[in-house]
Amino acid sequence: MPERDGSRDFDPILGSWSFHLKRLLRPLTGSSEWAEFEGASRCVSIWGGRGQLDELSVVNPSDGSRVEGLTVRLYNPQTREWCIYYASSRNPAFGTPQKGRFVDGRGEFLDRDVYEGKKAMVRYLWTDLSTGSPRFEQAFSTDDGMTWEPNWVTTQTRLPEGAKN
């Protein structure tokens, strides 16, 4: 049986979205203090559907702090994997990509990185893409994936077509 082509797995998130973001304030410290943000994103297709640009802008209503980010997702038809690159307005450079694929509607993308001087695996999880309310979670692991600490969780709600975000 041939491997399935996953080049359209992210298509359900094309368009404009309202965003709710929960961000752990001090990952890998044992902290349980989260900040919450509201805002919007817009995701567009590039390269005939083999890639996407996703722009995010959210604000914390309690203190006015902002998160502005740009995600580039690129599909490699040879490996049947997505490479996901992220940059923020605070750190306007792409690091190494998260790589992975969707299996049974669940997208898992992994990389190794250093956060605040600590070596960690980084996992992106995408679920519920076809529900109209996709969910994204970023988590760190310092024990090679035996346990994970979520530190960035978003839920999205599709905006009506033509809505400004």
N, C-alpha and C. Protein backbone atom coordinates (compact mmCIF):
# COMPACT_ATOMS: atom_id res chain seq x y z
N MET A 1 0.85 -1.19 0.00
CA MET A 1 0.00 0.00 0.00
C MET A 1 0.89 1.24 0.00
N PRO A 2 0.69 2.17 -0.95
CA PRO A 2 1.54 3.36 -1.01
C PRO A 2 1.27 4.30 0.16
N GLU A 3 2.33 5.03 0.55
CA GLU A 3 2.15 6.03 1.61
C GLU A 3 1.20 7.10 1.12
N ARG A 4 0.40 7.62 2.02
CA ARG A 4 -0.56 8.64 1.63
C ARG A 4 0.12 9.99 1.45
N ASP A 5 -0.42 10.79 0.58
CA ASP A 5 0.08 12.14 0.32
C ASP A 5 -0.55 13.08 1.34
N GLY A 6 0.26 13.70 2.19
CA GLY A 6 -0.25 14.59 3.23
C GLY A 6 -0.19 16.06 2.87
N SER A 7 -0.02 16.35 1.58
CA SER A 7 0.19 17.74 1.17
C SER A 7 -1.00 18.66 1.43
N ARG A 8 -2.16 18.11 1.70
CA ARG A 8 -3.34 18.94 1.95
C ARG A 8 -3.80 18.89 3.40
N ASP A 9 -2.99 18.31 4.27
CA ASP A 9 -3.40 18.13 5.66
C ASP A 9 -3.69 19.44 6.39
N PHE A 10 -2.99 20.52 6.05
CA PHE A 10 -3.22 21.79 6.72
C PHE A 10 -4.27 22.66 6.02
N ASP A 11 -4.82 22.21 4.90
CA ASP A 11 -5.81 23.01 4.17
C ASP A 11 -6.97 23.49 5.04
N PRO A 12 -7.46 22.70 6.02
CA PRO A 12 -8.59 23.18 6.82
C PRO A 12 -8.31 24.46 7.61
N ILE A 13 -7.04 24.85 7.79
CA ILE A 13 -6.80 26.08 8.55
C ILE A 13 -6.52 27.29 7.66
N LEU A 14 -6.69 27.13 6.35
CA LEU A 14 -6.60 28.29 5.47
C LEU A 14 -7.75 29.24 5.80
N GLY A 15 -7.47 30.53 5.76
CA GLY A 15 -8.51 31.52 6.01
C GLY A 15 -8.19 32.37 7.23
N SER A 16 -9.21 33.03 7.74
CA SER A 16 -9.07 33.96 8.88
C SER A 16 -9.71 33.37 10.11
N TRP A 17 -9.05 33.60 11.26
CA TRP A 17 -9.45 32.96 12.51
C TRP A 17 -9.37 33.94 13.67
N SER A 18 -10.29 33.80 14.62
CA SER A 18 -10.08 34.43 15.92
C SER A 18 -9.29 33.43 16.75
N PHE A 19 -8.44 33.95 17.61
CA PHE A 19 -7.50 33.12 18.35
C PHE A 19 -7.62 33.34 19.85
N HIS A 20 -7.53 32.26 20.60
CA HIS A 20 -7.35 32.32 22.04
C HIS A 20 -6.06 31.55 22.33
N LEU A 21 -5.11 32.22 22.95
CA LEU A 21 -3.80 31.63 23.27
C LEU A 21 -3.60 31.63 24.77
N LYS A 22 -3.19 30.47 25.30
CA LYS A 22 -2.71 30.37 26.69
C LYS A 22 -1.23 30.05 26.59
N ARG A 23 -0.40 30.87 27.28
CA ARG A 23 1.05 30.69 27.24
C ARG A 23 1.59 30.55 28.66
N LEU A 24 2.31 29.46 28.91
CA LEU A 24 2.95 29.26 30.22
C LEU A 24 4.05 30.30 30.36
N LEU A 25 4.04 31.03 31.49
CA LEU A 25 4.96 32.17 31.62
C LEU A 25 6.43 31.75 31.80
N ARG A 26 6.69 30.68 32.51
CA ARG A 26 8.09 30.29 32.74
C ARG A 26 8.25 28.78 32.52
N PRO A 27 8.30 28.36 31.26
CA PRO A 27 8.44 26.92 30.99
C PRO A 27 9.69 26.32 31.62
N LEU A 28 9.59 25.05 31.92
CA LEU A 28 10.70 24.25 32.46
C LEU A 28 11.21 24.74 33.80
N THR A 29 10.33 25.41 34.57
CA THR A 29 10.72 25.86 35.91
C THR A 29 9.79 25.29 36.99
N GLY A 30 8.79 24.54 36.57
CA GLY A 30 7.78 24.08 37.51
C GLY A 30 6.64 25.06 37.69
N SER A 31 6.68 26.16 36.95
CA SER A 31 5.65 27.19 37.03
C SER A 31 4.32 26.67 36.52
N SER A 32 3.24 27.16 37.10
CA SER A 32 1.90 26.85 36.60
C SER A 32 1.13 28.14 36.29
N GLU A 33 1.85 29.23 36.11
CA GLU A 33 1.23 30.53 35.83
C GLU A 33 1.15 30.75 34.32
N TRP A 34 -0.08 30.94 33.86
CA TRP A 34 -0.35 31.11 32.44
C TRP A 34 -0.82 32.54 32.16
N ALA A 35 -0.51 33.04 30.97
CA ALA A 35 -1.07 34.30 30.47
C ALA A 35 -2.00 33.95 29.32
N GLU A 36 -3.07 34.73 29.17
CA GLU A 36 -4.04 34.47 28.12
C GLU A 36 -4.11 35.66 27.16
N PHE A 37 -4.25 35.34 25.90
CA PHE A 37 -4.24 36.33 24.83
C PHE A 37 -5.43 36.10 23.90
N GLU A 38 -5.91 37.18 23.29
CA GLU A 38 -6.98 37.11 22.29
C GLU A 38 -6.51 37.86 21.05
N GLY A 39 -6.92 37.37 19.90
CA GLY A 39 -6.55 38.06 18.67
C GLY A 39 -7.00 37.30 17.45
N ALA A 40 -6.17 37.36 16.41
CA ALA A 40 -6.57 36.77 15.13
C ALA A 40 -5.36 36.27 14.37
N SER A 41 -5.66 35.44 13.37
CA SER A 41 -4.62 34.98 12.45
C SER A 41 -5.22 34.89 11.05
N ARG A 42 -4.32 34.84 10.10
CA ARG A 42 -4.72 34.66 8.71
C ARG A 42 -3.73 33.71 8.07
N CYS A 43 -4.24 32.66 7.45
CA CYS A 43 -3.40 31.64 6.83
C CYS A 43 -3.69 31.58 5.33
N VAL A 44 -2.64 31.68 4.53
CA VAL A 44 -2.79 31.64 3.07
C VAL A 44 -1.91 30.53 2.48
N SER A 45 -2.36 30.02 1.37
CA SER A 45 -1.64 28.97 0.65
C SER A 45 -0.56 29.59 -0.24
N ILE A 46 0.57 28.90 -0.36
CA ILE A 46 1.63 29.30 -1.28
C ILE A 46 2.08 28.06 -2.07
N TRP A 47 2.79 28.29 -3.14
CA TRP A 47 3.40 27.22 -3.94
C TRP A 47 2.39 26.17 -4.38
N GLY A 48 1.23 26.61 -4.80
CA GLY A 48 0.24 25.67 -5.30
C GLY A 48 -0.25 24.68 -4.27
N GLY A 49 -0.26 25.11 -3.00
CA GLY A 49 -0.76 24.25 -1.92
C GLY A 49 0.31 23.46 -1.20
N ARG A 50 1.57 23.56 -1.63
CA ARG A 50 2.64 22.83 -0.95
C ARG A 50 3.25 23.62 0.22
N GLY A 51 2.64 24.75 0.54
CA GLY A 51 3.12 25.55 1.65
C GLY A 51 2.05 26.52 2.11
N GLN A 52 2.30 27.11 3.28
CA GLN A 52 1.39 28.09 3.86
C GLN A 52 2.16 29.16 4.62
N LEU A 53 1.60 30.35 4.63
CA LEU A 53 2.05 31.44 5.50
C LEU A 53 0.92 31.72 6.48
N ASP A 54 1.24 31.81 7.74
CA ASP A 54 0.24 32.01 8.78
C ASP A 54 0.72 33.13 9.69
N GLU A 55 -0.03 34.23 9.72
CA GLU A 55 0.34 35.40 10.52
C GLU A 55 -0.59 35.51 11.72
N LEU A 56 0.00 35.67 12.89
CA LEU A 56 -0.73 35.71 14.16
C LEU A 56 -0.47 37.04 14.87
N SER A 57 -1.53 37.61 15.44
CA SER A 57 -1.40 38.79 16.29
C SER A 57 -2.41 38.68 17.42
N VAL A 58 -1.90 38.57 18.66
CA VAL A 58 -2.77 38.45 19.83
C VAL A 58 -2.28 39.40 20.91
N VAL A 59 -3.22 39.79 21.80
CA VAL A 59 -2.90 40.70 22.89
C VAL A 59 -3.46 40.15 24.19
N ASN A 60 -2.74 40.39 25.27
CA ASN A 60 -3.21 40.03 26.60
C ASN A 60 -4.06 41.19 27.11
N PRO A 61 -5.37 40.99 27.29
CA PRO A 61 -6.23 42.11 27.69
C PRO A 61 -5.90 42.68 29.07
N SER A 62 -5.26 41.89 29.94
CA SER A 62 -5.00 42.39 31.29
C SER A 62 -3.78 43.30 31.36
N ASP A 63 -2.78 43.10 30.49
CA ASP A 63 -1.58 43.95 30.59
C ASP A 63 -1.14 44.56 29.26
N GLY A 64 -1.85 44.25 28.17
CA GLY A 64 -1.54 44.85 26.88
C GLY A 64 -0.36 44.21 26.15
N SER A 65 0.26 43.20 26.73
CA SER A 65 1.39 42.57 26.04
C SER A 65 0.90 41.87 24.78
N ARG A 66 1.79 41.78 23.78
CA ARG A 66 1.41 41.24 22.47
C ARG A 66 2.30 40.07 22.09
N VAL A 67 1.76 39.21 21.27
CA VAL A 67 2.53 38.18 20.58
C VAL A 67 2.20 38.33 19.10
N GLU A 68 3.24 38.55 18.31
CA GLU A 68 3.09 38.61 16.86
C GLU A 68 4.02 37.57 16.27
N GLY A 69 3.45 36.68 15.47
CA GLY A 69 4.25 35.59 14.94
C GLY A 69 3.96 35.31 13.49
N LEU A 70 4.90 34.65 12.85
CA LEU A 70 4.76 34.22 11.47
C LEU A 70 5.19 32.76 11.39
N THR A 71 4.30 31.93 10.88
CA THR A 71 4.60 30.52 10.68
C THR A 71 4.64 30.25 9.18
N VAL A 72 5.67 29.52 8.77
CA VAL A 72 5.78 29.05 7.39
C VAL A 72 5.76 27.53 7.46
N ARG A 73 4.81 26.93 6.74
CA ARG A 73 4.72 25.47 6.67
C ARG A 73 5.02 25.04 5.24
N LEU A 74 5.97 24.11 5.10
CA LEU A 74 6.37 23.64 3.77
C LEU A 74 6.28 22.13 3.71
N TYR A 75 5.68 21.61 2.65
CA TYR A 75 5.50 20.17 2.49
C TYR A 75 6.58 19.62 1.57
N ASN A 76 7.22 18.53 2.01
CA ASN A 76 8.24 17.85 1.21
C ASN A 76 7.62 16.56 0.66
N PRO A 77 7.34 16.51 -0.66
CA PRO A 77 6.69 15.32 -1.21
C PRO A 77 7.57 14.07 -1.18
N GLN A 78 8.89 14.23 -1.12
CA GLN A 78 9.77 13.06 -1.06
C GLN A 78 9.68 12.36 0.29
N THR A 79 9.68 13.14 1.37
CA THR A 79 9.62 12.53 2.71
C THR A 79 8.19 12.44 3.23
N ARG A 80 7.26 13.12 2.55
CA ARG A 80 5.86 13.22 2.97
C ARG A 80 5.75 13.83 4.38
N GLU A 81 6.64 14.76 4.65
CA GLU A 81 6.65 15.47 5.93
C GLU A 81 6.46 16.96 5.71
N TRP A 82 5.91 17.58 6.74
CA TRP A 82 5.84 19.02 6.80
C TRP A 82 7.02 19.53 7.63
N CYS A 83 7.59 20.65 7.20
CA CYS A 83 8.58 21.40 7.99
C CYS A 83 7.91 22.69 8.40
N ILE A 84 7.91 22.97 9.69
CA ILE A 84 7.22 24.15 10.22
C ILE A 84 8.27 25.08 10.82
N TYR A 85 8.31 26.31 10.30
CA TYR A 85 9.23 27.34 10.77
C TYR A 85 8.42 28.43 11.46
N TYR A 86 8.93 28.96 12.58
CA TYR A 86 8.23 30.01 13.32
C TYR A 86 9.20 31.13 13.66
N ALA A 87 8.75 32.35 13.50
CA ALA A 87 9.50 33.53 13.94
C ALA A 87 8.50 34.48 14.60
N SER A 88 8.99 35.25 15.56
CA SER A 88 8.13 36.23 16.22
C SER A 88 8.73 37.62 16.04
N SER A 89 7.93 38.63 16.35
CA SER A 89 8.44 40.00 16.24
C SER A 89 9.55 40.24 17.27
N ARG A 90 9.56 39.47 18.35
CA ARG A 90 10.65 39.57 19.35
C ARG A 90 11.92 38.87 18.88
N ASN A 91 11.76 37.79 18.15
CA ASN A 91 12.89 37.01 17.64
C ASN A 91 12.65 36.77 16.15
N PRO A 92 12.96 37.78 15.31
CA PRO A 92 12.59 37.71 13.89
C PRO A 92 13.57 36.88 13.05
N ALA A 93 13.70 35.62 13.42
CA ALA A 93 14.56 34.70 12.66
C ALA A 93 13.97 33.30 12.78
N PHE A 94 14.07 32.53 11.70
CA PHE A 94 13.62 31.15 11.74
C PHE A 94 14.74 30.27 12.27
N GLY A 95 14.38 29.38 13.19
CA GLY A 95 15.32 28.37 13.68
C GLY A 95 15.16 27.11 12.86
N THR A 96 15.60 26.00 13.41
CA THR A 96 15.41 24.73 12.72
C THR A 96 13.93 24.38 12.73
N PRO A 97 13.46 23.71 11.71
CA PRO A 97 12.02 23.43 11.63
C PRO A 97 11.60 22.26 12.50
N GLN A 98 10.32 22.30 12.88
CA GLN A 98 9.65 21.13 13.43
C GLN A 98 9.30 20.26 12.23
N LYS A 99 9.52 18.97 12.31
CA LYS A 99 9.21 18.08 11.19
C LYS A 99 8.27 16.99 11.64
N GLY A 100 7.32 16.66 10.77
CA GLY A 100 6.40 15.59 11.09
C GLY A 100 5.29 15.49 10.09
N ARG A 101 4.24 14.76 10.49
CA ARG A 101 3.11 14.50 9.59
C ARG A 101 1.86 14.22 10.41
N PHE A 102 0.77 14.09 9.70
CA PHE A 102 -0.51 13.74 10.31
C PHE A 102 -0.75 12.24 10.19
N VAL A 103 -1.24 11.66 11.26
CA VAL A 103 -1.68 10.26 11.27
C VAL A 103 -3.04 10.25 11.96
N ASP A 104 -4.03 9.76 11.25
CA ASP A 104 -5.40 9.68 11.79
C ASP A 104 -5.89 11.02 12.33
N GLY A 105 -5.62 12.12 11.61
CA GLY A 105 -6.12 13.43 11.98
C GLY A 105 -5.34 14.15 13.05
N ARG A 106 -4.24 13.57 13.51
CA ARG A 106 -3.41 14.18 14.56
C ARG A 106 -2.03 14.47 13.98
N GLY A 107 -1.65 15.75 13.96
CA GLY A 107 -0.34 16.14 13.44
C GLY A 107 0.66 16.28 14.57
N GLU A 108 1.80 15.59 14.44
CA GLU A 108 2.86 15.67 15.45
C GLU A 108 4.15 16.06 14.74
N PHE A 109 4.81 17.11 15.28
CA PHE A 109 5.99 17.69 14.66
C PHE A 109 7.03 17.91 15.76
N LEU A 110 8.27 17.42 15.53
CA LEU A 110 9.27 17.40 16.58
C LEU A 110 10.57 18.07 16.14
N ASP A 111 11.30 18.55 17.14
CA ASP A 111 12.64 19.10 16.95
C ASP A 111 13.33 19.11 18.31
N ARG A 112 14.61 19.28 18.28
CA ARG A 112 15.39 19.49 19.51
C ARG A 112 15.87 20.93 19.52
N ASP A 113 15.88 21.53 20.71
CA ASP A 113 16.24 22.93 20.84
C ASP A 113 16.83 23.17 22.21
N VAL A 114 17.24 24.39 22.45
CA VAL A 114 17.70 24.82 23.77
C VAL A 114 16.81 25.97 24.19
N TYR A 115 16.19 25.84 25.38
CA TYR A 115 15.33 26.89 25.90
C TYR A 115 15.87 27.33 27.24
N GLU A 116 16.21 28.63 27.35
CA GLU A 116 16.75 29.17 28.59
C GLU A 116 17.91 28.31 29.11
N GLY A 117 18.77 27.87 28.19
CA GLY A 117 19.95 27.09 28.57
C GLY A 117 19.69 25.61 28.80
N LYS A 118 18.45 25.16 28.67
CA LYS A 118 18.12 23.76 28.89
C LYS A 118 17.84 23.06 27.56
N LYS A 119 18.47 21.91 27.35
CA LYS A 119 18.19 21.12 26.15
C LYS A 119 16.81 20.51 26.29
N ALA A 120 16.05 20.61 25.21
CA ALA A 120 14.68 20.11 25.26
C ALA A 120 14.24 19.62 23.88
N MET A 121 13.39 18.61 23.90
CA MET A 121 12.65 18.28 22.69
C MET A 121 11.46 19.24 22.64
N VAL A 122 11.08 19.62 21.44
CA VAL A 122 9.93 20.50 21.25
C VAL A 122 8.94 19.73 20.38
N ARG A 123 7.69 19.72 20.83
CA ARG A 123 6.64 19.02 20.08
C ARG A 123 5.52 19.99 19.77
N TYR A 124 5.11 20.00 18.51
CA TYR A 124 3.90 20.70 18.10
C TYR A 124 2.84 19.63 17.85
N LEU A 125 1.65 19.82 18.38
CA LEU A 125 0.52 18.94 18.12
C LEU A 125 -0.61 19.75 17.50
N TRP A 126 -1.14 19.26 16.40
CA TRP A 126 -2.32 19.84 15.78
C TRP A 126 -3.44 18.81 15.82
N THR A 127 -4.58 19.21 16.35
CA THR A 127 -5.74 18.33 16.40
C THR A 127 -6.99 19.12 16.02
N ASP A 128 -8.06 18.41 15.74
CA ASP A 128 -9.37 19.00 15.48
C ASP A 128 -9.38 19.95 14.28
N LEU A 129 -8.52 19.73 13.30
CA LEU A 129 -8.46 20.64 12.16
C LEU A 129 -9.76 20.72 11.39
N SER A 130 -10.48 19.62 11.30
CA SER A 130 -11.69 19.61 10.47
C SER A 130 -12.95 20.00 11.25
N THR A 131 -12.80 20.46 12.48
CA THR A 131 -13.98 20.76 13.31
C THR A 131 -14.44 22.21 13.22
N GLY A 132 -13.67 23.08 12.61
CA GLY A 132 -14.01 24.50 12.65
C GLY A 132 -13.47 25.18 13.89
N SER A 133 -12.82 24.42 14.77
CA SER A 133 -12.17 24.97 15.96
C SER A 133 -10.87 24.19 16.23
N PRO A 134 -9.87 24.37 15.34
CA PRO A 134 -8.61 23.64 15.49
C PRO A 134 -7.90 23.98 16.81
N ARG A 135 -7.08 23.04 17.24
CA ARG A 135 -6.31 23.21 18.48
C ARG A 135 -4.84 22.94 18.18
N PHE A 136 -3.98 23.81 18.71
CA PHE A 136 -2.53 23.67 18.58
C PHE A 136 -1.93 23.68 19.98
N GLU A 137 -0.93 22.82 20.19
CA GLU A 137 -0.22 22.80 21.47
C GLU A 137 1.26 22.64 21.21
N GLN A 138 2.04 23.47 21.89
CA GLN A 138 3.50 23.30 21.92
C GLN A 138 3.86 22.78 23.30
N ALA A 139 4.79 21.83 23.36
CA ALA A 139 5.23 21.28 24.65
C ALA A 139 6.72 21.02 24.59
N PHE A 140 7.36 21.06 25.76
CA PHE A 140 8.78 20.75 25.91
C PHE A 140 8.94 19.47 26.70
N SER A 141 10.01 18.73 26.39
CA SER A 141 10.39 17.55 27.16
C SER A 141 11.88 17.59 27.39
N THR A 142 12.29 17.39 28.63
CA THR A 142 13.72 17.32 28.95
C THR A 142 14.16 15.88 29.22
N ASP A 143 13.25 14.92 29.00
CA ASP A 143 13.59 13.51 29.23
C ASP A 143 13.34 12.66 27.98
N ASP A 144 13.71 13.23 26.82
CA ASP A 144 13.59 12.54 25.52
C ASP A 144 12.18 12.06 25.21
N GLY A 145 11.18 12.85 25.58
CA GLY A 145 9.82 12.57 25.19
C GLY A 145 9.04 11.65 26.11
N MET A 146 9.62 11.30 27.25
CA MET A 146 8.87 10.46 28.20
C MET A 146 7.73 11.25 28.83
N THR A 147 8.00 12.53 29.15
CA THR A 147 6.96 13.41 29.68
C THR A 147 7.04 14.74 28.93
N TRP A 148 5.90 15.41 28.86
CA TRP A 148 5.81 16.68 28.13
C TRP A 148 5.18 17.74 29.01
N GLU A 149 5.69 18.96 28.92
CA GLU A 149 5.11 20.12 29.60
C GLU A 149 4.55 21.07 28.54
N PRO A 150 3.22 21.11 28.37
CA PRO A 150 2.64 22.08 27.44
C PRO A 150 2.96 23.49 27.90
N ASN A 151 3.24 24.39 26.92
CA ASN A 151 3.56 25.77 27.28
C ASN A 151 2.91 26.79 26.36
N TRP A 152 2.17 26.32 25.36
CA TRP A 152 1.53 27.21 24.40
C TRP A 152 0.35 26.45 23.85
N VAL A 153 -0.87 26.91 24.10
CA VAL A 153 -2.07 26.20 23.66
C VAL A 153 -2.99 27.22 22.99
N THR A 154 -3.40 26.92 21.77
CA THR A 154 -4.33 27.81 21.08
C THR A 154 -5.58 27.05 20.67
N THR A 155 -6.67 27.78 20.69
CA THR A 155 -7.89 27.31 20.05
C THR A 155 -8.31 28.43 19.10
N GLN A 156 -8.84 28.03 17.97
CA GLN A 156 -9.20 28.95 16.92
C GLN A 156 -10.67 28.80 16.57
N THR A 157 -11.26 29.89 16.12
CA THR A 157 -12.63 29.87 15.62
C THR A 157 -12.63 30.60 14.29
N ARG A 158 -13.16 29.93 13.28
CA ARG A 158 -13.14 30.52 11.94
C ARG A 158 -13.97 31.82 11.92
N LEU A 159 -13.41 32.86 11.30
CA LEU A 159 -14.13 34.10 11.10
C LEU A 159 -14.94 33.99 9.81
N PRO A 160 -16.07 34.69 9.73
CA PRO A 160 -16.86 34.65 8.49
C PRO A 160 -16.01 35.17 7.32
N GLU A 161 -16.25 34.60 6.15
CA GLU A 161 -15.50 35.02 4.97
C GLU A 161 -15.67 36.51 4.76
N GLY A 162 -14.57 37.18 4.47
CA GLY A 162 -14.60 38.63 4.26
C GLY A 162 -14.39 39.42 5.54
N ALA A 163 -14.38 38.76 6.69
CA ALA A 163 -14.15 39.48 7.96
C ALA A 163 -12.70 39.94 8.03
N LYS A 164 -12.48 41.10 8.58
CA LYS A 164 -11.12 41.65 8.76
C LYS A 164 -10.58 41.13 10.08
N ASN A 165 -9.29 40.73 10.07
CA ASN A 165 -8.67 40.33 11.34
C ASN A 165 -7.45 41.12 11.61
